[in-house]
Amino acid sequence: MTTPTFCLLDDWRKIARRAWSIRLSIVAAIFTAAEVVVPLFGDVLPRGVFVLLAFSASIGAAIARLVAQPEMHR
């Protein structure tokens, strides 16, 4: 069995800037980090808000991977 090789797409920089799946994945990461940091500064929001926001952003990123994004080819 051959080992798969890791290869970036030729236009990976353009994809990273324009793809909604990338944007939403970054938003999910920010919400996940906020879930850890915010409680250190007090109970400003109800518990679990950032988990729900991160979950929503993750689902959005998965859906964005399947949706056509015509601006990617401009």
N, C-alpha and C. Protein backbone atom coordinates (compact mmCIF):
# COMPACT_ATOMS: atom_id res chain seq x y z
N MET A 1 0.85 -1.17 0.00
CA MET A 1 0.00 0.00 0.00
C MET A 1 0.90 1.24 0.00
N THR A 2 0.57 2.20 -0.85
CA THR A 2 1.36 3.42 -0.91
C THR A 2 0.84 4.46 0.08
N THR A 3 1.75 5.27 0.56
CA THR A 3 1.38 6.33 1.49
C THR A 3 0.90 7.54 0.72
N PRO A 4 -0.27 8.08 1.07
CA PRO A 4 -0.75 9.27 0.37
C PRO A 4 0.17 10.46 0.64
N THR A 5 0.37 11.27 -0.37
CA THR A 5 1.22 12.44 -0.21
C THR A 5 0.38 13.68 0.02
N PHE A 6 0.92 14.60 0.75
CA PHE A 6 0.25 15.86 1.05
C PHE A 6 0.64 16.88 -0.01
N CYS A 7 -0.36 17.42 -0.67
CA CYS A 7 -0.09 18.36 -1.76
C CYS A 7 -1.11 19.50 -1.71
N LEU A 8 -0.62 20.73 -1.66
CA LEU A 8 -1.52 21.88 -1.68
C LEU A 8 -2.01 22.14 -3.09
N LEU A 9 -3.20 22.71 -3.18
CA LEU A 9 -3.72 23.12 -4.48
C LEU A 9 -2.89 24.29 -4.99
N ASP A 10 -2.84 24.45 -6.30
CA ASP A 10 -2.05 25.52 -6.89
C ASP A 10 -2.53 26.90 -6.44
N ASP A 11 -3.83 27.06 -6.26
CA ASP A 11 -4.38 28.36 -5.88
C ASP A 11 -4.86 28.37 -4.42
N TRP A 12 -4.10 27.75 -3.53
CA TRP A 12 -4.51 27.62 -2.14
C TRP A 12 -4.63 28.97 -1.44
N ARG A 13 -3.82 29.93 -1.79
CA ARG A 13 -3.92 31.25 -1.16
C ARG A 13 -5.25 31.92 -1.50
N LYS A 14 -5.66 31.82 -2.74
CA LYS A 14 -6.93 32.38 -3.19
C LYS A 14 -8.09 31.68 -2.48
N ILE A 15 -8.01 30.37 -2.38
CA ILE A 15 -9.04 29.60 -1.71
C ILE A 15 -9.12 29.98 -0.23
N ALA A 16 -7.98 30.13 0.42
CA ALA A 16 -7.96 30.48 1.84
C ALA A 16 -8.59 31.85 2.09
N ARG A 17 -8.45 32.77 1.14
CA ARG A 17 -9.03 34.10 1.29
C ARG A 17 -10.51 34.15 0.99
N ARG A 18 -10.99 33.33 0.08
CA ARG A 18 -12.36 33.46 -0.42
C ARG A 18 -13.34 32.37 0.00
N ALA A 19 -12.88 31.22 0.41
CA ALA A 19 -13.77 30.09 0.69
C ALA A 19 -14.52 30.30 2.01
N TRP A 20 -15.82 30.19 1.96
CA TRP A 20 -16.63 30.33 3.16
C TRP A 20 -16.35 29.22 4.16
N SER A 21 -15.99 28.05 3.70
CA SER A 21 -15.69 26.96 4.63
C SER A 21 -14.48 27.31 5.50
N ILE A 22 -13.50 27.97 4.92
CA ILE A 22 -12.32 28.40 5.69
C ILE A 22 -12.72 29.48 6.68
N ARG A 23 -13.48 30.46 6.22
CA ARG A 23 -13.91 31.57 7.09
C ARG A 23 -14.71 31.05 8.27
N LEU A 24 -15.65 30.15 8.01
CA LEU A 24 -16.48 29.63 9.09
C LEU A 24 -15.70 28.73 10.04
N SER A 25 -14.71 28.03 9.52
CA SER A 25 -13.85 27.22 10.39
C SER A 25 -13.05 28.10 11.34
N ILE A 26 -12.58 29.24 10.86
CA ILE A 26 -11.86 30.19 11.71
C ILE A 26 -12.79 30.77 12.77
N VAL A 27 -14.01 31.11 12.37
CA VAL A 27 -15.00 31.61 13.33
C VAL A 27 -15.28 30.57 14.41
N ALA A 28 -15.42 29.31 14.02
CA ALA A 28 -15.65 28.24 14.99
C ALA A 28 -14.48 28.13 15.96
N ALA A 29 -13.26 28.26 15.46
CA ALA A 29 -12.08 28.20 16.33
C ALA A 29 -12.07 29.36 17.32
N ILE A 30 -12.48 30.54 16.87
CA ILE A 30 -12.54 31.71 17.76
C ILE A 30 -13.58 31.49 18.85
N PHE A 31 -14.76 30.98 18.48
CA PHE A 31 -15.79 30.71 19.49
C PHE A 31 -15.34 29.64 20.47
N THR A 32 -14.63 28.64 19.99
CA THR A 32 -14.13 27.59 20.87
C THR A 32 -13.13 28.16 21.87
N ALA A 33 -12.24 29.02 21.40
CA ALA A 33 -11.28 29.67 22.30
C ALA A 33 -12.00 30.58 23.29
N ALA A 34 -13.04 31.28 22.83
CA ALA A 34 -13.80 32.18 23.71
C ALA A 34 -14.48 31.39 24.82
N GLU A 35 -14.93 30.19 24.53
CA GLU A 35 -15.58 29.35 25.54
C GLU A 35 -14.63 29.08 26.71
N VAL A 36 -13.34 29.02 26.44
CA VAL A 36 -12.36 28.77 27.49
C VAL A 36 -11.99 30.07 28.20
N VAL A 37 -11.84 31.16 27.46
CA VAL A 37 -11.33 32.41 28.01
C VAL A 37 -12.39 33.22 28.76
N VAL A 38 -13.59 33.33 28.22
CA VAL A 38 -14.62 34.20 28.80
C VAL A 38 -14.96 33.84 30.25
N PRO A 39 -15.11 32.58 30.61
CA PRO A 39 -15.42 32.28 32.02
C PRO A 39 -14.35 32.74 33.00
N LEU A 40 -13.14 32.93 32.53
CA LEU A 40 -12.09 33.42 33.42
C LEU A 40 -12.35 34.86 33.86
N PHE A 41 -13.12 35.58 33.10
CA PHE A 41 -13.39 36.99 33.39
C PHE A 41 -14.79 37.21 33.97
N GLY A 42 -15.50 36.19 34.32
CA GLY A 42 -16.81 36.32 34.93
C GLY A 42 -17.91 35.72 34.08
N ASP A 43 -19.05 35.57 34.67
CA ASP A 43 -20.20 34.99 33.97
C ASP A 43 -21.00 36.08 33.28
N VAL A 44 -20.53 36.49 32.12
CA VAL A 44 -21.20 37.53 31.35
C VAL A 44 -22.36 36.94 30.55
N LEU A 45 -22.14 35.79 29.98
CA LEU A 45 -23.15 35.13 29.15
C LEU A 45 -23.54 33.79 29.77
N PRO A 46 -24.72 33.30 29.42
CA PRO A 46 -25.10 31.96 29.92
C PRO A 46 -24.10 30.89 29.48
N ARG A 47 -23.95 29.91 30.30
CA ARG A 47 -23.02 28.81 30.02
C ARG A 47 -23.40 28.10 28.72
N GLY A 48 -22.42 27.81 27.89
CA GLY A 48 -22.64 27.04 26.67
C GLY A 48 -22.95 27.87 25.43
N VAL A 49 -23.03 29.18 25.55
CA VAL A 49 -23.34 30.02 24.39
C VAL A 49 -22.29 29.86 23.31
N PHE A 50 -21.02 29.92 23.70
CA PHE A 50 -19.95 29.83 22.70
C PHE A 50 -19.85 28.43 22.11
N VAL A 51 -20.22 27.41 22.87
CA VAL A 51 -20.25 26.05 22.32
C VAL A 51 -21.28 25.97 21.21
N LEU A 52 -22.46 26.55 21.45
CA LEU A 52 -23.50 26.56 20.42
C LEU A 52 -23.09 27.37 19.20
N LEU A 53 -22.42 28.51 19.43
CA LEU A 53 -21.95 29.33 18.31
C LEU A 53 -20.87 28.58 17.52
N ALA A 54 -19.95 27.93 18.21
CA ALA A 54 -18.90 27.17 17.53
C ALA A 54 -19.51 26.00 16.75
N PHE A 55 -20.49 25.34 17.35
CA PHE A 55 -21.17 24.24 16.67
C PHE A 55 -21.86 24.74 15.40
N SER A 56 -22.55 25.88 15.51
CA SER A 56 -23.23 26.45 14.35
C SER A 56 -22.25 26.82 13.24
N ALA A 57 -21.14 27.42 13.62
CA ALA A 57 -20.12 27.78 12.62
C ALA A 57 -19.52 26.54 11.98
N SER A 58 -19.32 25.48 12.76
CA SER A 58 -18.78 24.24 12.20
C SER A 58 -19.74 23.60 11.21
N ILE A 59 -21.01 23.59 11.54
CA ILE A 59 -22.02 23.05 10.61
C ILE A 59 -22.06 23.91 9.35
N GLY A 60 -22.00 25.23 9.53
CA GLY A 60 -21.97 26.13 8.37
C GLY A 60 -20.77 25.88 7.49
N ALA A 61 -19.61 25.61 8.10
CA ALA A 61 -18.40 25.32 7.32
C ALA A 61 -18.56 24.03 6.52
N ALA A 62 -19.17 23.03 7.13
CA ALA A 62 -19.38 21.76 6.43
C ALA A 62 -20.33 21.96 5.24
N ILE A 63 -21.38 22.73 5.45
CA ILE A 63 -22.32 23.00 4.36
C ILE A 63 -21.64 23.83 3.27
N ALA A 64 -20.83 24.80 3.67
CA ALA A 64 -20.14 25.65 2.69
C ALA A 64 -19.19 24.86 1.80
N ARG A 65 -18.69 23.73 2.31
CA ARG A 65 -17.82 22.88 1.49
C ARG A 65 -18.59 22.27 0.32
N LEU A 66 -19.90 22.15 0.46
CA LEU A 66 -20.71 21.50 -0.57
C LEU A 66 -21.40 22.48 -1.50
N VAL A 67 -21.50 23.73 -1.10
CA VAL A 67 -22.21 24.74 -1.88
C VAL A 67 -21.26 25.36 -2.91
N ALA A 68 -21.76 25.55 -4.12
CA ALA A 68 -20.95 26.19 -5.17
C ALA A 68 -20.66 27.63 -4.78
N GLN A 69 -19.41 28.03 -4.96
CA GLN A 69 -18.98 29.40 -4.65
C GLN A 69 -18.34 29.99 -5.90
N PRO A 70 -19.16 30.55 -6.79
CA PRO A 70 -18.64 31.01 -8.08
C PRO A 70 -17.55 32.08 -7.97
N GLU A 71 -17.55 32.86 -6.90
CA GLU A 71 -16.51 33.89 -6.76
C GLU A 71 -15.13 33.30 -6.57
N MET A 72 -15.04 32.02 -6.30
CA MET A 72 -13.74 31.35 -6.15
C MET A 72 -12.98 31.29 -7.47
N HIS A 73 -13.68 31.35 -8.58
CA HIS A 73 -13.05 31.17 -9.89
C HIS A 73 -12.81 32.48 -10.63
N ARG A 74 -12.98 33.59 -9.92
CA ARG A 74 -12.74 34.89 -10.55
C ARG A 74 -11.33 35.34 -10.30
